[in-house]
Structures are given as structure tokens and as C-alpha cells.
Amino acid sequence: MLHSMTNEPEQQIGVGTPDAFQRLWTPHRMAYIQGENKPSGPEAGDGCPFCDLPGKSDEDGLIIARGSAVYAVLNLYPYNGGHLMVVPFRHIADYTDLDEAETAELALFTKHAMTALRAASGAHGFNIGMNQGVEAGAGIAAHLHQHIVPRWGGDTNFMPVVGHTKVLPQLLADTRAMLAAAWPA
């Protein structure tokens, strides 16, 4: 336990009107809100993080597994612990433009992700999907990516509803190592 922690709420100057709530600050989310790491344009050379990640080590890029056409990577701004994405190496925006090998490996990696998440964290269910286009909610619309979000019974609580905050119990590097170890051979 941290030495500076107490059982009593501490009054902080400048944080708003006292209302008996303790605050859980998530300043790392501001990077996502402000568009950090978003490409400057639609082309691969416009700073696409999904094009840059394969050039990093698995640990530095939070890459869980690599195939010949796609790779699996943790989401930097996860909805739940273990939230990962399957991403084609090729810079492509639309699902219908994937070739057959890319489509097949994307499906296989989605199955592997589910298997690894069940083995590593006991996930009960999954939200799986992709947002096609900015209008559909894609944060990086120029490079296709499929989300696999693990879910557990009772994983919804008051924090996202009242506090607009997700509580993640594990650092991304630790989650990456756990899922990489559980990834099917």
C-alpha cells in the first residue's frame, strides 16, 4: 500500500465542488480524446500507427502474434482488459477489399484471440466487430482493424455509467505477455 494513501478522502483545491465522490483520474485517455497517434491522412505514409507497429518489437508494439497477412495487437485505449485488435499488414480501409488469404487469416486470428483470452483470463463472452468509416465510429478509418473485446459476467458496473471511466486491473505490457503465452501454436 502506498504510504501517502489514507482512508479519508482528501480535499483537493481546484478539482470542482466537493460532492463526497472520490475521483479516479485516467489522464491516459486524454491522448485518445485529442487524437494522439492518429494519422494525418488516409495513406500509409501519413503516420498510420497500424503500418508502423510491425516495425517494432512485439513487446514495444504490444503485438501478441504475427501471421503472414495479419497481426494481433492490444488496443492502447481498451474498453476492457485484454481488448485486442486483428490488423492486416497491408494498409487497406475496406473489408471488401481484403483478398482471400487476408480474410481467412483475419478470421483465424479472431478465433485464436478468443481461445487465448479464454485460456489467459477466463473470458465468458466477446464483443467482436469493426467500424467501417469515420461515420461508423472508426478511430483510424484508413486502416482496417477488427476489435475483440473480452467480457465477463458482471463486468459492467457503475464506473462507466456514472464516472465515464473503465477500471483496468493490469498494465498493457503484462496483458500482452499473458496473451502471447496463451496464443495457440
Protein backbone atom coordinates (compact mmCIF):
# COMPACT_ATOMS: atom_id res chain seq x y z
CA MET A 1 0.00 0.00 0.00
CA LEU A 2 1.26 3.45 -0.80
CA HIS A 3 2.40 5.43 2.22
CA SER A 4 0.55 8.56 1.10
CA MET A 5 -2.82 6.79 0.88
CA THR A 6 -5.35 7.27 3.65
CA ASN A 7 -8.83 6.01 4.33
CA GLU A 8 -10.22 9.52 4.44
CA PRO A 9 -10.97 11.46 1.24
CA GLU A 10 -8.60 14.35 0.78
CA GLN A 11 -9.88 17.77 -0.27
CA GLN A 12 -8.13 18.86 -3.46
CA ILE A 13 -8.12 22.51 -4.43
CA GLY A 14 -9.28 23.23 -7.97
CA VAL A 15 -10.98 19.93 -8.79
CA GLY A 16 -14.55 21.15 -8.60
CA THR A 17 -17.24 21.33 -5.99
CA PRO A 18 -16.86 18.84 -3.15
CA ASP A 19 -19.55 16.19 -3.64
CA ALA A 20 -18.37 13.25 -1.48
CA PHE A 21 -17.10 11.31 -4.53
CA GLN A 22 -13.53 10.14 -4.69
CA ARG A 23 -12.04 10.61 -8.15
CA LEU A 24 -10.32 8.01 -10.26
CA TRP A 25 -8.29 10.00 -12.76
CA THR A 26 -7.48 8.47 -16.15
CA PRO A 27 -5.27 11.06 -17.85
CA HIS A 28 -4.02 8.50 -20.39
CA ARG A 29 -7.48 8.68 -22.04
CA MET A 30 -6.83 12.31 -22.99
CA ALA A 31 -4.35 11.12 -25.63
CA TYR A 32 -7.17 9.24 -27.36
CA ILE A 33 -9.64 12.09 -26.99
CA GLN A 34 -7.16 14.55 -28.51
CA GLY A 35 -6.34 12.21 -31.39
CA GLU A 36 -2.78 11.29 -30.44
CA ASN A 37 -1.28 8.71 -32.81
CA LYS A 38 -3.97 9.31 -35.43
CA PRO A 39 -2.69 9.52 -38.99
CA SER A 40 -2.57 12.90 -40.70
CA GLY A 41 -4.23 11.46 -43.82
CA PRO A 42 -5.52 8.27 -45.43
CA GLU A 43 -2.26 6.95 -46.92
CA ALA A 44 0.16 4.51 -45.29
CA GLY A 45 2.87 7.21 -45.22
CA ASP A 46 0.63 9.61 -43.29
CA GLY A 47 1.69 8.27 -39.90
CA CYS A 48 -0.60 5.24 -39.72
CA PRO A 49 0.15 3.53 -36.40
CA PHE A 50 -1.05 0.17 -37.76
CA CYS A 51 1.58 0.41 -40.51
CA ASP A 52 4.29 1.47 -38.03
CA LEU A 53 3.63 -1.19 -35.36
CA PRO A 54 5.02 -4.21 -37.27
CA GLY A 55 8.42 -2.49 -37.38
CA LYS A 56 8.63 -2.57 -33.58
CA SER A 57 9.44 -5.47 -31.31
CA ASP A 58 6.41 -7.40 -30.08
CA GLU A 59 6.92 -6.00 -26.58
CA ASP A 60 7.30 -2.37 -27.69
CA GLY A 61 4.39 -2.58 -30.13
CA LEU A 62 2.17 -4.64 -27.77
CA ILE A 63 1.90 -7.21 -30.56
CA ILE A 64 0.59 -10.56 -29.36
CA ALA A 65 1.10 -12.63 -32.52
CA ARG A 66 2.10 -12.19 -36.16
CA GLY A 67 0.85 -14.12 -39.17
CA SER A 68 1.70 -13.77 -42.83
CA ALA A 69 -1.17 -11.35 -43.63
CA VAL A 70 -2.36 -10.03 -40.23
CA TYR A 71 -1.19 -9.47 -36.68
CA ALA A 72 -2.88 -9.25 -33.27
CA VAL A 73 -2.17 -6.24 -31.06
CA LEU A 74 -3.51 -4.84 -27.80
CA ASN A 75 -5.65 -1.74 -28.03
CA LEU A 76 -3.89 1.25 -26.41
CA TYR A 77 -7.27 2.61 -25.29
CA PRO A 78 -9.09 -0.59 -24.21
CA TYR A 79 -12.74 -0.95 -23.29
CA ASN A 80 -11.85 -3.95 -21.11
CA GLY A 81 -8.65 -5.64 -20.04
CA GLY A 82 -7.41 -7.82 -22.91
CA HIS A 83 -9.15 -5.73 -25.62
CA LEU A 84 -7.16 -6.53 -28.74
CA MET A 85 -7.37 -6.00 -32.46
CA VAL A 86 -6.57 -8.09 -35.52
CA VAL A 87 -4.99 -5.89 -38.19
CA PRO A 88 -3.89 -6.65 -41.77
CA PHE A 89 -0.29 -5.76 -42.53
CA ARG A 90 -1.50 -4.19 -45.78
CA HIS A 91 -2.79 -0.61 -45.46
CA ILE A 92 -6.39 -1.10 -46.52
CA ALA A 93 -9.56 0.59 -45.32
CA ASP A 94 -12.47 -1.53 -46.52
CA TYR A 95 -13.23 -5.10 -45.51
CA THR A 96 -14.46 -5.95 -49.01
CA ASP A 97 -11.00 -5.11 -50.40
CA LEU A 98 -9.25 -7.84 -48.41
CA ASP A 99 -8.01 -10.72 -50.55
CA GLU A 100 -9.00 -14.27 -49.68
CA ALA A 101 -5.79 -15.04 -47.77
CA GLU A 102 -6.17 -11.88 -45.64
CA THR A 103 -9.84 -12.63 -44.97
CA ALA A 104 -9.05 -16.20 -43.94
CA GLU A 105 -6.18 -15.24 -41.64
CA LEU A 106 -8.19 -12.41 -40.07
CA ALA A 107 -10.90 -14.97 -39.22
CA LEU A 108 -8.32 -17.47 -37.92
CA PHE A 109 -6.64 -14.82 -35.73
CA THR A 110 -10.05 -13.82 -34.35
CA LYS A 111 -10.60 -17.46 -33.31
CA HIS A 112 -7.07 -17.60 -31.83
CA ALA A 113 -7.73 -14.37 -29.91
CA MET A 114 -10.89 -15.83 -28.38
CA THR A 115 -9.03 -19.03 -27.46
CA ALA A 116 -6.14 -17.10 -25.88
CA LEU A 117 -8.44 -14.76 -23.95
CA ARG A 118 -10.44 -17.67 -22.58
CA ALA A 119 -7.27 -19.52 -21.54
CA ALA A 120 -5.49 -16.49 -20.07
CA SER A 121 -8.35 -14.63 -18.42
CA GLY A 122 -11.42 -16.87 -18.39
CA ALA A 123 -13.44 -14.55 -20.64
CA HIS A 124 -17.13 -15.53 -20.67
CA GLY A 125 -18.08 -13.77 -23.90
CA PHE A 126 -16.85 -11.34 -26.54
CA ASN A 127 -17.79 -8.26 -28.49
CA ILE A 128 -16.27 -8.65 -31.96
CA GLY A 129 -16.52 -6.13 -34.74
CA MET A 130 -15.10 -3.41 -36.90
CA ASN A 131 -16.17 0.13 -37.60
CA GLN A 132 -16.01 0.84 -41.33
CA GLY A 133 -15.51 4.56 -41.90
CA VAL A 134 -15.32 7.61 -39.67
CA GLU A 135 -19.10 7.93 -39.77
CA ALA A 136 -19.39 4.43 -38.29
CA GLY A 137 -17.04 5.31 -35.42
CA ALA A 138 -13.66 4.16 -36.74
CA GLY A 139 -10.90 5.97 -34.88
CA ILE A 140 -8.42 5.08 -37.62
CA ALA A 141 -10.65 4.57 -40.65
CA ALA A 142 -7.86 4.31 -43.23
CA HIS A 143 -6.50 1.00 -41.88
CA LEU A 144 -8.92 -1.85 -41.25
CA HIS A 145 -8.86 -3.43 -37.80
CA GLN A 146 -11.18 -5.83 -36.03
CA HIS A 147 -11.80 -5.44 -32.30
CA ILE A 148 -12.06 -8.42 -29.96
CA VAL A 149 -13.27 -7.27 -26.54
CA PRO A 150 -13.46 -9.91 -23.80
CA ARG A 151 -16.46 -9.80 -21.48
CA TRP A 152 -17.21 -11.39 -18.11
CA GLY A 153 -20.42 -11.87 -16.19
CA GLY A 154 -20.85 -8.79 -14.03
CA ASP A 155 -18.13 -6.77 -15.80
CA THR A 156 -20.47 -3.83 -16.10
CA ASN A 157 -20.65 -1.65 -13.04
CA PHE A 158 -21.27 1.95 -12.07
CA MET A 159 -17.87 3.26 -13.17
CA PRO A 160 -18.57 3.54 -16.93
CA VAL A 161 -22.15 4.67 -16.39
CA VAL A 162 -21.65 7.23 -13.65
CA GLY A 163 -17.96 8.02 -13.86
CA HIS A 164 -17.37 7.52 -17.59
CA THR A 165 -14.28 5.56 -16.53
CA LYS A 166 -13.13 1.98 -17.03
CA VAL A 167 -11.01 0.41 -14.34
CA LEU A 168 -8.34 -1.85 -15.86
CA PRO A 169 -6.57 -4.09 -13.37
CA GLN A 170 -3.44 -4.85 -15.38
CA LEU A 171 -0.76 -2.96 -17.28
CA LEU A 172 -0.82 -3.43 -21.07
CA ALA A 173 2.69 -4.94 -21.16
CA ASP A 174 1.62 -7.60 -18.62
CA THR A 175 -1.57 -8.31 -20.58
CA ARG A 176 0.45 -8.65 -23.81
CA ALA A 177 2.82 -11.17 -22.22
CA MET A 178 -0.06 -13.20 -20.75
CA LEU A 179 -1.96 -13.37 -24.07
CA ALA A 180 1.17 -14.09 -26.13
CA ALA A 181 1.88 -17.06 -23.85
CA ALA A 182 -1.71 -18.31 -24.28
CA TRP A 183 -1.83 -17.79 -28.09
CA PRO A 184 -2.49 -21.10 -29.89
CA ALA A 185 0.58 -22.52 -31.63
